[in-house]
Amino acid sequence: MDLYTRNNILTVILGILIILLSYFLYRSIVDPYQEVIEEREMVERERHRMELVRDALVQYRNRRGNFPPTDGGLDSLVQFVKTDEFVVERADSLFAFMPPSSYDADSLVLSPRAPHNEFEYTLNDTIRPRLYLLENPGTGDKIGDLQRTTLLNAPNWN
């Protein structure tokens, strides 16, 4: 094999190697960034779902005069959302889920992140006004507080 042919073969091999290494470099930069974007979107969907539960709790209090009790509170909230005439008529506009999810009263109190844990709800009915705490067990996100009335209906991520 002469020198010219050998140089052409080496050039082709090195060109292919450069293209492959460039692709791997590109993927090593883009993939972690894509994961960060997906995580931000998931956090936004979780927080939006918690805000929808907060809105449902406010509707529950406005229609029934009080927040649901701690024991079975989120279950009674789902029942309220499914049976109250005012809420049923306006449910699609009151509780618009973020895409790709669509409104479903049964999944209102569930986190959109797998394994779809139920939000944790606690009511402090020993003080006036009654206060509640809604927490996402997978994150540190919460709405409300059990001691401070100034945090009623206030999320901790603002």
C-alpha atoms as a PDB file:
ATOM      1  CA  MET A   1       0.000   0.000   0.000  1.00  0.00           C
ATOM      2  CA  ASP A   2       1.419   3.332  -0.970  1.00  0.00           C
ATOM      3  CA  LEU A   3       1.647   6.412   1.233  1.00  0.00           C
ATOM      4  CA  TYR A   4      -1.195   8.291  -0.515  1.00  0.00           C
ATOM      5  CA  THR A   5      -3.724   5.453  -0.004  1.00  0.00           C
ATOM      6  CA  ARG A   6      -2.698   4.998   3.619  1.00  0.00           C
ATOM      7  CA  ASN A   7      -3.142   8.743   4.319  1.00  0.00           C
ATOM      8  CA  ASN A   8      -6.616   8.701   2.713  1.00  0.00           C
ATOM      9  CA  ILE A   9      -7.686   5.723   4.860  1.00  0.00           C
ATOM     10  CA  LEU A  10      -6.351   7.401   8.002  1.00  0.00           C
ATOM     11  CA  THR A  11      -8.133  10.636   7.074  1.00  0.00           C
ATOM     12  CA  VAL A  12     -11.469   8.820   6.665  1.00  0.00           C
ATOM     13  CA  ILE A  13     -11.027   6.885   9.934  1.00  0.00           C
ATOM     14  CA  LEU A  14     -10.032  10.014  11.859  1.00  0.00           C
ATOM     15  CA  GLY A  15     -12.961  11.939  10.315  1.00  0.00           C
ATOM     16  CA  ILE A  16     -15.401   9.244  11.463  1.00  0.00           C
ATOM     17  CA  LEU A  17     -13.766   9.227  14.899  1.00  0.00           C
ATOM     18  CA  ILE A  18     -14.083  13.030  15.151  1.00  0.00           C
ATOM     19  CA  ILE A  19     -17.772  12.852  14.206  1.00  0.00           C
ATOM     20  CA  LEU A  20     -18.448  10.115  16.796  1.00  0.00           C
ATOM     21  CA  LEU A  21     -16.602  11.943  19.558  1.00  0.00           C
ATOM     22  CA  SER A  22     -18.396  15.195  18.662  1.00  0.00           C
ATOM     23  CA  TYR A  23     -21.746  13.414  18.962  1.00  0.00           C
ATOM     24  CA  PHE A  24     -20.835  11.999  22.388  1.00  0.00           C
ATOM     25  CA  LEU A  25     -19.646  15.421  23.534  1.00  0.00           C
ATOM     26  CA  TYR A  26     -22.898  17.006  22.335  1.00  0.00           C
ATOM     27  CA  ARG A  27     -24.985  14.346  24.157  1.00  0.00           C
ATOM     28  CA  SER A  28     -22.960  14.798  27.354  1.00  0.00           C
ATOM     29  CA  ILE A  29     -23.833  18.501  27.338  1.00  0.00           C
ATOM     30  CA  VAL A  30     -27.468  18.334  26.186  1.00  0.00           C
ATOM     31  CA  ASP A  31     -28.751  15.319  28.169  1.00  0.00           C
ATOM     32  CA  PRO A  32     -28.118  16.735  31.670  1.00  0.00           C
ATOM     33  CA  TYR A  33     -29.624  20.057  30.634  1.00  0.00           C
ATOM     34  CA  GLN A  34     -32.698  18.281  29.266  1.00  0.00           C
ATOM     35  CA  GLU A  35     -33.087  16.478  32.611  1.00  0.00           C
ATOM     36  CA  VAL A  36     -32.967  19.830  34.409  1.00  0.00           C
ATOM     37  CA  ILE A  37     -35.676  21.205  32.114  1.00  0.00           C
ATOM     38  CA  GLU A  38     -37.871  18.133  32.658  1.00  0.00           C
ATOM     39  CA  GLU A  39     -37.415  18.370  36.440  1.00  0.00           C
ATOM     40  CA  ARG A  40     -38.405  22.057  36.398  1.00  0.00           C
ATOM     41  CA  GLU A  41     -41.516  21.226  34.392  1.00  0.00           C
ATOM     42  CA  MET A  42     -42.435  18.453  36.846  1.00  0.00           C
ATOM     43  CA  VAL A  43     -41.994  20.772  39.832  1.00  0.00           C
ATOM     44  CA  GLU A  44     -44.186  23.337  38.083  1.00  0.00           C
ATOM     45  CA  ARG A  45     -46.882  20.700  37.443  1.00  0.00           C
ATOM     46  CA  GLU A  46     -46.738  19.531  41.083  1.00  0.00           C
ATOM     47  CA  ARG A  47     -47.036  23.059  42.409  1.00  0.00           C
ATOM     48  CA  HIS A  48     -49.882  23.815  40.037  1.00  0.00           C
ATOM     49  CA  ARG A  49     -51.724  20.694  41.230  1.00  0.00           C
ATOM     50  CA  MET A  50     -51.208  21.768  44.858  1.00  0.00           C
ATOM     51  CA  GLU A  51     -52.641  25.181  43.998  1.00  0.00           C
ATOM     52  CA  LEU A  52     -55.675  23.446  42.503  1.00  0.00           C
ATOM     53  CA  VAL A  53     -56.153  21.518  45.754  1.00  0.00           C
ATOM     54  CA  ARG A  54     -55.857  24.815  47.621  1.00  0.00           C
ATOM     55  CA  ASP A  55     -58.561  26.298  45.373  1.00  0.00           C
ATOM     56  CA  ALA A  56     -60.758  23.269  46.044  1.00  0.00           C
ATOM     57  CA  LEU A  57     -60.214  23.677  49.799  1.00  0.00           C
ATOM     58  CA  VAL A  58     -61.238  27.330  49.557  1.00  0.00           C
ATOM     59  CA  GLN A  59     -64.374  26.335  47.607  1.00  0.00           C
ATOM     60  CA  TYR A  60     -65.104  23.673  50.234  1.00  0.00           C
ATOM     61  CA  ARG A  61     -64.790  26.251  53.018  1.00  0.00           C
ATOM     62  CA  ASN A  62     -66.915  28.790  51.142  1.00  0.00           C
ATOM     63  CA  ARG A  63     -69.702  26.295  50.399  1.00  0.00           C
ATOM     64  CA  ARG A  64     -69.661  24.295  53.666  1.00  0.00           C
ATOM     65  CA  GLY A  65     -68.393  26.874  56.144  1.00  0.00           C
ATOM     66  CA  ASN A  66     -65.242  25.026  57.193  1.00  0.00           C
ATOM     67  CA  PHE A  67     -62.279  23.076  55.898  1.00  0.00           C
ATOM     68  CA  PRO A  68     -62.546  19.274  55.790  1.00  0.00           C
ATOM     69  CA  PRO A  69     -61.266  17.390  58.880  1.00  0.00           C
ATOM     70  CA  THR A  70     -57.772  15.914  58.972  1.00  0.00           C
ATOM     71  CA  ASP A  71     -58.969  12.302  58.910  1.00  0.00           C
ATOM     72  CA  GLY A  72     -60.236  11.584  55.420  1.00  0.00           C
ATOM     73  CA  GLY A  73     -60.010  15.263  54.535  1.00  0.00           C
ATOM     74  CA  LEU A  74     -58.724  14.843  51.023  1.00  0.00           C
ATOM     75  CA  ASP A  75     -61.204  12.029  50.356  1.00  0.00           C
ATOM     76  CA  SER A  76     -64.082  14.247  51.466  1.00  0.00           C
ATOM     77  CA  LEU A  77     -62.625  17.037  49.325  1.00  0.00           C
ATOM     78  CA  VAL A  78     -62.698  14.763  46.262  1.00  0.00           C
ATOM     79  CA  GLN A  79     -66.296  13.801  47.086  1.00  0.00           C
ATOM     80  CA  PHE A  80     -67.168  17.486  47.383  1.00  0.00           C
ATOM     81  CA  VAL A  81     -65.580  18.272  43.999  1.00  0.00           C
ATOM     82  CA  LYS A  82     -67.511  15.392  42.408  1.00  0.00           C
ATOM     83  CA  THR A  83     -70.917  16.154  43.963  1.00  0.00           C
ATOM     84  CA  ASP A  84     -71.291  19.894  44.584  1.00  0.00           C
ATOM     85  CA  GLU A  85     -73.404  21.425  41.797  1.00  0.00           C
ATOM     86  CA  PHE A  86     -71.512  24.710  41.659  1.00  0.00           C
ATOM     87  CA  VAL A  87     -68.128  23.025  41.457  1.00  0.00           C
ATOM     88  CA  VAL A  88     -69.210  20.289  39.021  1.00  0.00           C
ATOM     89  CA  GLU A  89     -70.538  22.869  36.547  1.00  0.00           C
ATOM     90  CA  ARG A  90     -67.266  24.837  36.611  1.00  0.00           C
ATOM     91  CA  ALA A  91     -64.785  22.042  37.338  1.00  0.00           C
ATOM     92  CA  ASP A  92     -63.023  22.166  33.962  1.00  0.00           C
ATOM     93  CA  SER A  93     -62.304  25.867  34.318  1.00  0.00           C
ATOM     94  CA  LEU A  94     -61.686  25.865  38.092  1.00  0.00           C
ATOM     95  CA  PHE A  95     -59.321  22.901  38.068  1.00  0.00           C
ATOM     96  CA  ALA A  96     -57.545  23.016  34.716  1.00  0.00           C
ATOM     97  CA  PHE A  97     -54.648  20.557  34.908  1.00  0.00           C
ATOM     98  CA  MET A  98     -51.388  21.368  33.173  1.00  0.00           C
ATOM     99  CA  PRO A  99     -50.642  19.280  30.069  1.00  0.00           C
ATOM    100  CA  PRO A 100     -50.193  16.403  29.468  1.00  0.00           C
ATOM    101  CA  SER A 101     -52.738  15.661  32.240  1.00  0.00           C
ATOM    102  CA  SER A 102     -56.431  16.326  31.901  1.00  0.00           C
ATOM    103  CA  TYR A 103     -58.974  17.050  34.641  1.00  0.00           C
ATOM    104  CA  ASP A 104     -60.001  14.102  36.775  1.00  0.00           C
ATOM    105  CA  ALA A 105     -61.521  14.688  40.215  1.00  0.00           C
ATOM    106  CA  ASP A 106     -60.037  11.473  41.609  1.00  0.00           C
ATOM    107  CA  SER A 107     -56.485  12.501  40.690  1.00  0.00           C
ATOM    108  CA  LEU A 108     -56.864  16.054  42.006  1.00  0.00           C
ATOM    109  CA  VAL A 109     -55.163  15.180  45.307  1.00  0.00           C
ATOM    110  CA  LEU A 110     -52.413  13.059  43.716  1.00  0.00           C
ATOM    111  CA  SER A 111     -48.973  14.270  42.748  1.00  0.00           C
ATOM    112  CA  PRO A 112     -48.352  14.145  38.979  1.00  0.00           C
ATOM    113  CA  ARG A 113     -44.869  12.699  39.671  1.00  0.00           C
ATOM    114  CA  ALA A 114     -44.626   8.909  39.749  1.00  0.00           C
ATOM    115  CA  PRO A 115     -45.481   7.009  42.011  1.00  0.00           C
ATOM    116  CA  HIS A 116     -48.344   9.554  42.307  1.00  0.00           C
ATOM    117  CA  ASN A 117     -48.340   9.974  46.083  1.00  0.00           C
ATOM    118  CA  GLU A 118     -51.315  11.639  47.701  1.00  0.00           C
ATOM    119  CA  PHE A 119     -50.714  15.089  49.126  1.00  0.00           C
ATOM    120  CA  GLU A 120     -50.695  15.261  52.921  1.00  0.00           C
ATOM    121  CA  TYR A 121     -53.390  17.395  54.533  1.00  0.00           C
ATOM    122  CA  THR A 122     -53.596  18.455  58.191  1.00  0.00           C
ATOM    123  CA  LEU A 123     -56.185  20.746  59.798  1.00  0.00           C
ATOM    124  CA  ASN A 124     -55.567  22.744  62.961  1.00  0.00           C
ATOM    125  CA  ASP A 125     -59.063  23.260  64.339  1.00  0.00           C
ATOM    126  CA  THR A 126     -57.923  24.390  67.809  1.00  0.00           C
ATOM    127  CA  ILE A 127     -57.526  28.049  66.815  1.00  0.00           C
ATOM    128  CA  ARG A 128     -59.616  30.561  64.907  1.00  0.00           C
ATOM    129  CA  PRO A 129     -59.504  30.904  61.987  1.00  0.00           C
ATOM    130  CA  ARG A 130     -58.977  27.249  61.318  1.00  0.00           C
ATOM    131  CA  LEU A 131     -55.701  26.622  59.525  1.00  0.00           C
ATOM    132  CA  TYR A 132     -54.550  23.811  57.289  1.00  0.00           C
ATOM    133  CA  LEU A 133     -51.267  22.539  55.963  1.00  0.00           C
ATOM    134  CA  LEU A 134     -51.062  20.867  52.556  1.00  0.00           C
ATOM    135  CA  GLU A 135     -47.733  19.185  51.849  1.00  0.00           C
ATOM    136  CA  ASN A 136     -46.210  17.315  48.955  1.00  0.00           C
ATOM    137  CA  PRO A 137     -44.483  14.290  50.526  1.00  0.00           C
ATOM    138  CA  GLY A 138     -41.916  14.036  47.719  1.00  0.00           C
ATOM    139  CA  THR A 139     -40.663  17.598  48.053  1.00  0.00           C
ATOM    140  CA  GLY A 140     -40.525  20.373  50.614  1.00  0.00           C
ATOM    141  CA  ASP A 141     -43.419  22.224  48.993  1.00  0.00           C
ATOM    142  CA  LYS A 142     -46.334  23.169  51.192  1.00  0.00           C
ATOM    143  CA  ILE A 143     -49.312  25.479  51.268  1.00  0.00           C
ATOM    144  CA  GLY A 144     -50.540  27.024  54.495  1.00  0.00           C
ATOM    145  CA  ASP A 145     -49.298  26.673  58.035  1.00  0.00           C
ATOM    146  CA  LEU A 146     -50.698  25.198  61.230  1.00  0.00           C
ATOM    147  CA  GLN A 147     -49.687  28.112  63.503  1.00  0.00           C
ATOM    148  CA  ARG A 148     -49.473  31.355  61.551  1.00  0.00           C
ATOM    149  CA  THR A 149     -52.717  32.816  60.218  1.00  0.00           C
ATOM    150  CA  THR A 150     -50.797  35.057  57.834  1.00  0.00           C
ATOM    151  CA  LEU A 151     -49.783  31.960  55.852  1.00  0.00           C
ATOM    152  CA  LEU A 152     -53.347  30.722  55.290  1.00  0.00           C
ATOM    153  CA  ASN A 153     -53.541  29.592  51.622  1.00  0.00           C
ATOM    154  CA  ALA A 154     -49.959  30.817  51.020  1.00  0.00           C
ATOM    155  CA  PRO A 155     -47.469  28.543  49.231  1.00  0.00           C
ATOM    156  CA  ASN A 156     -43.902  28.403  50.525  1.00  0.00           C
ATOM    157  CA  TRP A 157     -42.302  28.656  47.061  1.00  0.00           C
ATOM    158  CA  ASN A 158     -43.222  32.275  46.308  1.00  0.00           C
END
